[in-house]
PDB file of N, CA and C in Angstrom:
ATOM      1  N   MET A   1      -5.392 -19.146   0.194  1.00  0.00           N
ATOM      2  CA  MET A   1      -5.078 -17.875  -0.514  1.00  0.00           C
ATOM      3  C   MET A   1      -3.153 -17.359  -0.369  1.00  0.00           C
ATOM      4  N   ASN A   2      -2.805 -16.699  -1.088  1.00  0.00           N
ATOM      5  CA  ASN A   2      -2.088 -16.214  -0.910  1.00  0.00           C
ATOM      6  C   ASN A   2      -1.192 -14.660  -1.222  1.00  0.00           C
ATOM      7  N   GLY A   3      -1.094 -13.995  -0.221  1.00  0.00           N
ATOM      8  CA  GLY A   3      -1.385 -12.836   0.425  1.00  0.00           C
ATOM      9  C   GLY A   3      -2.048 -12.203   1.577  1.00  0.00           C
ATOM     10  N   PRO A   4      -1.413 -11.065   2.859  1.00  0.00           N
ATOM     11  CA  PRO A   4      -2.213 -10.875   3.526  1.00  0.00           C
ATOM     12  C   PRO A   4      -3.627 -10.652   3.753  1.00  0.00           C
ATOM     13  N   PHE A   5      -4.376 -10.589   2.370  1.00  0.00           N
ATOM     14  CA  PHE A   5      -5.744 -10.043   2.635  1.00  0.00           C
ATOM     15  C   PHE A   5      -6.582 -11.351   2.384  1.00  0.00           C
ATOM     16  N   GLU A   6      -8.103 -11.119   2.514  1.00  0.00           N
ATOM     17  CA  GLU A   6      -8.779 -12.195   1.936  1.00  0.00           C
ATOM     18  C   GLU A   6      -9.451 -11.915   0.277  1.00  0.00           C
ATOM     19  N   SER A   7      -8.688 -10.914   0.231  1.00  0.00           N
ATOM     20  CA  SER A   7      -8.989 -10.532  -1.621  1.00  0.00           C
ATOM     21  C   SER A   7      -7.998 -11.027  -2.255  1.00  0.00           C
ATOM     22  N   THR A   8      -8.010 -12.016  -3.714  1.00  0.00           N
ATOM     23  CA  THR A   8      -7.441 -11.810  -4.362  1.00  0.00           C
ATOM     24  C   THR A   8      -7.053 -10.971  -5.616  1.00  0.00           C
ATOM     25  N   GLN A   9      -7.962  -9.693  -5.263  1.00  0.00           N
ATOM     26  CA  GLN A   9      -7.816  -8.587  -6.252  1.00  0.00           C
ATOM     27  C   GLN A   9      -6.936  -7.652  -5.150  1.00  0.00           C
ATOM     28  N   MET A  10      -7.344  -7.372  -3.764  1.00  0.00           N
ATOM     29  CA  MET A  10      -5.733  -7.101  -3.198  1.00  0.00           C
ATOM     30  C   MET A  10      -5.076  -7.285  -3.114  1.00  0.00           C
ATOM     31  N   ASN A  11      -5.080  -8.781  -2.799  1.00  0.00           N
ATOM     32  CA  ASN A  11      -3.697  -9.929  -2.655  1.00  0.00           C
ATOM     33  C   ASN A  11      -2.651  -8.957  -3.812  1.00  0.00           C
ATOM     34  N   ASP A  12      -3.437  -9.003  -5.330  1.00  0.00           N
ATOM     35  CA  ASP A  12      -2.457  -9.042  -6.665  1.00  0.00           C
ATOM     36  C   ASP A  12      -2.219  -7.708  -6.333  1.00  0.00           C
ATOM     37  N   TYR A  13      -2.816  -6.529  -5.864  1.00  0.00           N
ATOM     38  CA  TYR A  13      -2.593  -5.087  -6.236  1.00  0.00           C
ATOM     39  C   TYR A  13      -1.604  -5.390  -5.151  1.00  0.00           C
ATOM     40  N   PHE A  14      -1.644  -5.309  -3.764  1.00  0.00           N
ATOM     41  CA  PHE A  14      -0.369  -5.489  -2.954  1.00  0.00           C
ATOM     42  C   PHE A  14       0.633  -5.759  -3.076  1.00  0.00           C
ATOM     43  N   ALA A  15       0.638  -6.822  -4.308  1.00  0.00           N
ATOM     44  CA  ALA A  15       2.652  -7.418  -4.142  1.00  0.00           C
ATOM     45  C   ALA A  15       2.539  -7.301  -5.410  1.00  0.00           C
ATOM     46  N   SER A  16       2.250  -5.679  -5.925  1.00  0.00           N
ATOM     47  CA  SER A  16       2.725  -5.010  -7.041  1.00  0.00           C
ATOM     48  C   SER A  16       3.047  -3.771  -6.828  1.00  0.00           C
ATOM     49  N   LEU A  17       2.982  -3.707  -4.938  1.00  0.00           N
ATOM     50  CA  LEU A  17       3.611  -2.534  -4.790  1.00  0.00           C
ATOM     51  C   LEU A  17       5.153  -2.771  -3.998  1.00  0.00           C
ATOM     52  N   SER A  18       5.762  -1.549  -4.103  1.00  0.00           N
ATOM     53  CA  SER A  18       6.935  -1.593  -3.546  1.00  0.00           C
ATOM     54  C   SER A  18       7.739  -2.436  -1.562  1.00  0.00           C
ATOM     55  N   PRO A  19       8.058  -3.308  -2.073  1.00  0.00           N
ATOM     56  CA  PRO A  19       9.003  -3.818  -0.307  1.00  0.00           C
ATOM     57  C   PRO A  19       8.373  -2.906   0.451  1.00  0.00           C
ATOM     58  N   VAL A  20       9.122  -1.697   0.363  1.00  0.00           N
ATOM     59  CA  VAL A  20       9.177  -0.811   1.246  1.00  0.00           C
ATOM     60  C   VAL A  20       7.212  -0.435   1.789  1.00  0.00           C
ATOM     61  N   VAL A  21       6.760  -0.187   0.830  1.00  0.00           N
ATOM     62  CA  VAL A  21       5.018   0.751   1.315  1.00  0.00           C
ATOM     63  C   VAL A  21       4.406  -0.929   1.690  1.00  0.00           C
ATOM     64  N   GLN A  22       5.070  -2.032   0.756  1.00  0.00           N
ATOM     65  CA  GLN A  22       4.037  -3.587   1.897  1.00  0.00           C
ATOM     66  C   GLN A  22       4.182  -3.805   3.300  1.00  0.00           C
ATOM     67  N   SER A  23       5.572  -3.165   3.513  1.00  0.00           N
ATOM     68  CA  SER A  23       6.049  -3.733   4.890  1.00  0.00           C
ATOM     69  C   SER A  23       5.352  -2.296   5.871  1.00  0.00           C
ATOM     70  N   ALA A  24       5.315  -1.056   5.119  1.00  0.00           N
ATOM     71  CA  ALA A  24       4.556   0.193   6.043  1.00  0.00           C
ATOM     72  C   ALA A  24       2.855  -0.149   6.351  1.00  0.00           C
ATOM     73  N   ILE A  25       2.728  -0.958   4.743  1.00  0.00           N
ATOM     74  CA  ILE A  25       0.806  -0.897   4.771  1.00  0.00           C
ATOM     75  C   ILE A  25       0.769  -2.006   5.843  1.00  0.00           C
ATOM     76  N   LEU A  26       1.545  -3.071   6.603  1.00  0.00           N
ATOM     77  CA  LEU A  26       1.821  -3.881   7.161  1.00  0.00           C
ATOM     78  C   LEU A  26       2.233  -3.729   8.602  1.00  0.00           C
ATOM     79  N   HIS A  27       2.505  -2.861   8.141  1.00  0.00           N
ATOM     80  CA  HIS A  27       2.905  -2.399  10.485  1.00  0.00           C
ATOM     81  C   HIS A  27       1.960  -1.157  10.536  1.00  0.00           C
ATOM     82  N   SER A  28       1.250  -0.771   9.578  1.00  0.00           N
ATOM     83  CA  SER A  28       0.619   0.389  10.309  1.00  0.00           C
ATOM     84  C   SER A  28      -0.987   0.133  10.914  1.00  0.00           C
ATOM     85  N   GLY A  29      -0.727  -1.733  10.947  1.00  0.00           N
ATOM     86  CA  GLY A  29      -2.268  -1.732  11.721  1.00  0.00           C
ATOM     87  C   GLY A  29      -3.711  -1.557  10.667  1.00  0.00           C
ATOM     88  N   ALA A  30      -3.433  -0.361  10.191  1.00  0.00           N
ATOM     89  CA  ALA A  30      -4.579  -0.243   9.525  1.00  0.00           C
ATOM     90  C   ALA A  30      -5.722  -1.675   9.334  1.00  0.00           C
ATOM     91  N   ASP A  31      -6.999  -1.271   9.679  1.00  0.00           N
ATOM     92  CA  ASP A  31      -8.189  -2.383   8.841  1.00  0.00           C
ATOM     93  C   ASP A  31      -8.582  -2.164   7.596  1.00  0.00           C
ATOM     94  N   ILE A  32      -8.052  -2.848   6.272  1.00  0.00           N
ATOM     95  CA  ILE A  32      -8.088  -2.795   4.965  1.00  0.00           C
ATOM     96  C   ILE A  32      -9.294  -3.842   4.754  1.00  0.00           C
ATOM     97  N   LYS A  33     -10.269  -3.393   4.102  1.00  0.00           N
ATOM     98  CA  LYS A  33     -11.613  -4.090   3.861  1.00  0.00           C
ATOM     99  C   LYS A  33     -11.796  -4.285   1.907  1.00  0.00           C
ATOM    100  N   THR A  34     -11.357  -3.086   2.110  1.00  0.00           N
ATOM    101  CA  THR A  34     -11.649  -3.062   0.357  1.00  0.00           C
ATOM    102  C   THR A  34     -10.259  -2.710   0.054  1.00  0.00           C
ATOM    103  N   VAL A  35     -10.477  -3.230  -1.951  1.00  0.00           N
ATOM    104  CA  VAL A  35      -9.171  -2.507  -2.790  1.00  0.00           C
ATOM    105  C   VAL A  35      -9.286  -1.295  -2.508  1.00  0.00           C
ATOM    106  N   SER A  36      -9.979  -0.125  -2.464  1.00  0.00           N
ATOM    107  CA  SER A  36     -10.045   0.924  -2.755  1.00  0.00           C
ATOM    108  C   SER A  36      -9.709   1.800  -1.262  1.00  0.00           C
ATOM    109  N   GLN A  37      -9.752   1.330  -0.438  1.00  0.00           N
ATOM    110  CA  GLN A  37      -8.849   1.322   1.096  1.00  0.00           C
ATOM    111  C   GLN A  37      -7.478   1.046   0.346  1.00  0.00           C
ATOM    112  N   LEU A  38      -7.404  -0.028   0.066  1.00  0.00           N
ATOM    113  CA  LEU A  38      -6.014  -0.404   0.187  1.00  0.00           C
ATOM    114  C   LEU A  38      -4.869   0.755  -0.989  1.00  0.00           C
ATOM    115  N   GLU A  39      -5.904   0.855  -2.170  1.00  0.00           N
ATOM    116  CA  GLU A  39      -5.138   1.938  -2.825  1.00  0.00           C
ATOM    117  C   GLU A  39      -4.913   2.913  -2.543  1.00  0.00           C
ATOM    118  N   SER A  40      -5.831   3.261  -1.263  1.00  0.00           N
ATOM    119  CA  SER A  40      -5.495   4.940  -0.694  1.00  0.00           C
ATOM    120  C   SER A  40      -4.371   4.662  -0.140  1.00  0.00           C
ATOM    121  N   ILE A  41      -4.597   4.099   0.832  1.00  0.00           N
ATOM    122  CA  ILE A  41      -3.358   3.727   1.745  1.00  0.00           C
ATOM    123  C   ILE A  41      -2.329   3.473   1.339  1.00  0.00           C
ATOM    124  N   ALA A  42      -2.424   2.971   0.133  1.00  0.00           N
ATOM    125  CA  ALA A  42      -1.052   2.996  -0.984  1.00  0.00           C
ATOM    126  C   ALA A  42      -0.248   4.354  -1.413  1.00  0.00           C
ATOM    127  N   GLN A  43      -1.198   4.995  -1.532  1.00  0.00           N
ATOM    128  CA  GLN A  43      -1.116   6.282  -2.336  1.00  0.00           C
ATOM    129  C   GLN A  43       0.235   6.962  -1.548  1.00  0.00           C
ATOM    130  N   LYS A  44      -0.954   7.196  -0.310  1.00  0.00           N
ATOM    131  CA  LYS A  44      -0.471   8.182   1.196  1.00  0.00           C
ATOM    132  C   LYS A  44       0.794   7.238   1.197  1.00  0.00           C
ATOM    133  N   MET A  45       1.584   6.060   1.649  1.00  0.00           N
ATOM    134  CA  MET A  45       2.707   5.957   1.797  1.00  0.00           C
ATOM    135  C   MET A  45       3.249   5.912   1.149  1.00  0.00           C
ATOM    136  N   LEU A  46       3.621   5.729  -0.660  1.00  0.00           N
ATOM    137  CA  LEU A  46       3.776   6.631  -1.555  1.00  0.00           C
ATOM    138  C   LEU A  46       4.167   7.867  -1.540  1.00  0.00           C
ATOM    139  N   ASP A  47       3.498   8.675  -1.146  1.00  0.00           N
ATOM    140  CA  ASP A  47       3.292  10.156  -1.049  1.00  0.00           C
ATOM    141  C   ASP A  47       4.573  10.555   0.529  1.00  0.00           C
ATOM    142  N   SER A  48       3.975  10.062   1.267  1.00  0.00           N
ATOM    143  CA  SER A  48       5.366  10.028   2.546  1.00  0.00           C
ATOM    144  C   SER A  48       6.672   9.830   2.142  1.00  0.00           C
ATOM    145  N   HIS A  49       6.945   8.707   1.034  1.00  0.00           N
ATOM    146  CA  HIS A  49       8.509   7.933   1.140  1.00  0.00           C
ATOM    147  C   HIS A  49       8.777   8.994  -0.062  1.00  0.00           C
ATOM    148  N   THR A  50       8.196   9.414  -0.742  1.00  0.00           N
ATOM    149  CA  THR A  50       8.726  10.531  -2.018  1.00  0.00           C
ATOM    150  C   THR A  50       8.865  11.591  -1.437  1.00  0.00           C
ATOM    151  N   PRO A  51      10.608  11.969  -1.934  1.00  0.00           N
ATOM    152  CA  PRO A  51      10.229  13.131  -1.514  1.00  0.00           C
ATOM    153  C   PRO A  51       9.841  14.364  -2.651  1.00  0.00           C
ATOM    154  N   PRO A  52       9.734  16.047  -1.872  1.00  0.00           N
ATOM    155  CA  PRO A  52       8.812  16.572  -2.841  1.00  0.00           C
ATOM    156  C   PRO A  52       9.868  17.265  -3.878  1.00  0.00           C
ATOM    157  N   ARG A  53       9.342  17.404  -5.185  1.00  0.00           N
ATOM    158  CA  ARG A  53       9.711  18.432  -5.964  1.00  0.00           C
ATOM    159  C   ARG A  53      10.027  19.520  -6.103  1.00  0.00           C
ATOM    160  N   GLY A  54      11.387  19.911  -5.943  1.00  0.00           N
ATOM    161  CA  GLY A  54      11.446  21.525  -6.230  1.00  0.00           C
ATOM    162  C   GLY A  54      12.104  22.219  -7.374  1.00  0.00           C
ATOM    163  N   ASN A  55      12.583  23.101  -7.550  1.00  0.00           N
ATOM    164  CA  ASN A  55      12.559  24.396  -8.444  1.00  0.00           C
ATOM    165  C   ASN A  55      14.234  24.332  -8.382  1.00  0.00           C
ATOM    166  N   TYR A  56      14.734  23.611  -9.128  1.00  0.00           N
ATOM    167  CA  TYR A  56      16.427  23.576  -8.425  1.00  0.00           C
ATOM    168  C   TYR A  56      16.910  23.722  -9.779  1.00  0.00           C
TER     169      TYR A  56
END
């Protein structure tokens, strides 16, 4: 298997994420068992790395 997860589907999704988000997930120590858990954590990481949009 090529990736940090037991599932090919999870590894494929993980590979589609930016390197910053991948690194954050790996360093989080989260016990991720399902694709939906991975997607949820990735979204939270993306939200935390995206500056809020203001009314400019």
